[in-house]
Amino acid sequence: MADKIQWAGNTMPKSDDKHLGIMSLDHVKKARAFHQSFPQYTVTPLARLDGQAARLGLSNLCVKDESYRFVIPPLFISILLY
């Protein structure tokens, strides 16, 4: 891999997230209950990409493919880094 990843630090000032009402636990619980109310709802497993994580210097890299959900044609991928 010839290209190097360039990391940039987050220079945005910290915010007091407790004032973000939409992210409150109550709203999160309501959103989760809404999605779980669909008959076709299932938990999507994560696929671990250990080799790629190692190449990137990450402890874990997982991909969540939701393309089969709710008959949505495009491929939706959420990449979770931690």
Protein backbone atom coordinates (compact mmCIF):
# COMPACT_ATOMS: atom_id res chain seq x y z
CA MET A 1 0.00 0.00 0.00
CA ALA A 2 1.79 3.09 -1.29
CA ASP A 3 -0.55 5.71 0.12
CA LYS A 4 -0.19 6.58 3.77
CA ILE A 5 -3.12 7.44 5.98
CA GLN A 6 -2.86 10.95 7.34
CA TRP A 7 -4.44 11.46 10.73
CA ALA A 8 -5.79 14.83 11.80
CA GLY A 9 -6.56 15.81 15.35
CA ASN A 10 -10.03 17.05 16.23
CA THR A 11 -9.56 20.73 17.05
CA MET A 12 -13.25 21.49 17.59
CA PRO A 13 -13.98 22.83 21.07
CA LYS A 14 -15.62 20.41 23.47
CA SER A 15 -19.33 20.83 23.88
CA ASP A 16 -21.60 19.99 26.76
CA ASP A 17 -23.56 17.17 25.11
CA LYS A 18 -26.10 17.01 27.93
CA HIS A 19 -27.86 19.87 26.14
CA LEU A 20 -28.39 17.78 23.01
CA GLY A 21 -31.92 16.69 23.89
CA ILE A 22 -32.37 14.56 20.79
CA MET A 23 -29.60 12.28 22.05
CA SER A 24 -31.16 11.77 25.46
CA LEU A 25 -31.59 8.21 26.69
CA ASP A 26 -35.36 8.68 26.50
CA HIS A 27 -35.20 9.57 22.79
CA VAL A 28 -32.79 6.70 22.12
CA LYS A 29 -35.15 4.24 23.84
CA LYS A 30 -38.08 5.51 21.77
CA ALA A 31 -36.12 5.21 18.53
CA ARG A 32 -34.99 1.68 19.41
CA ALA A 33 -38.55 0.66 20.29
CA PHE A 34 -39.79 2.07 16.97
CA HIS A 35 -37.30 0.05 14.95
CA GLN A 36 -37.87 -3.10 17.00
CA SER A 37 -41.62 -2.80 16.31
CA PHE A 38 -41.08 -3.80 12.66
CA PRO A 39 -41.91 -7.50 12.19
CA GLN A 40 -38.79 -8.02 10.07
CA TYR A 41 -36.47 -6.43 12.65
CA THR A 42 -33.43 -8.47 13.60
CA VAL A 43 -30.10 -7.56 15.14
CA THR A 44 -27.41 -7.29 12.47
CA PRO A 45 -24.17 -9.08 13.27
CA LEU A 46 -20.86 -7.31 12.81
CA ALA A 47 -18.16 -8.75 10.55
CA ARG A 48 -14.71 -8.38 12.07
CA LEU A 49 -11.93 -7.22 9.76
CA ASP A 50 -8.95 -8.12 11.92
CA GLY A 51 -6.40 -8.06 9.09
CA GLN A 52 -7.44 -4.62 7.91
CA ALA A 53 -7.57 -3.35 11.49
CA ALA A 54 -3.97 -4.48 12.00
CA ARG A 55 -2.84 -2.78 8.78
CA LEU A 56 -4.50 0.46 9.91
CA GLY A 57 -3.10 0.26 13.44
CA LEU A 58 -6.54 -0.20 15.01
CA SER A 59 -7.47 -2.59 17.79
CA ASN A 60 -10.76 -3.50 16.04
CA LEU A 61 -12.52 -2.82 12.76
CA CYS A 62 -16.04 -4.06 12.13
CA VAL A 63 -18.40 -3.69 9.18
CA LYS A 64 -22.15 -3.82 9.44
CA ASP A 65 -23.93 -4.58 6.14
CA GLU A 66 -27.60 -3.68 6.23
CA SER A 67 -28.22 -4.02 2.48
CA TYR A 68 -30.62 -6.94 3.00
CA ARG A 69 -32.86 -5.04 5.45
CA PHE A 70 -36.28 -3.75 4.51
CA VAL A 71 -35.68 -4.53 0.81
CA ILE A 72 -33.50 -1.45 0.31
CA PRO A 73 -31.47 -1.93 -2.89
CA PRO A 74 -28.35 0.18 -2.20
CA LEU A 75 -25.62 -1.20 -0.04
CA PHE A 76 -25.48 0.57 3.30
CA ILE A 77 -22.33 -0.01 5.31
CA SER A 78 -21.59 1.41 8.71
CA ILE A 79 -17.96 1.17 9.69
CA LEU A 80 -17.42 1.10 13.39
CA LEU A 81 -13.97 1.97 14.61
CA TYR A 82 -12.92 1.48 18.16
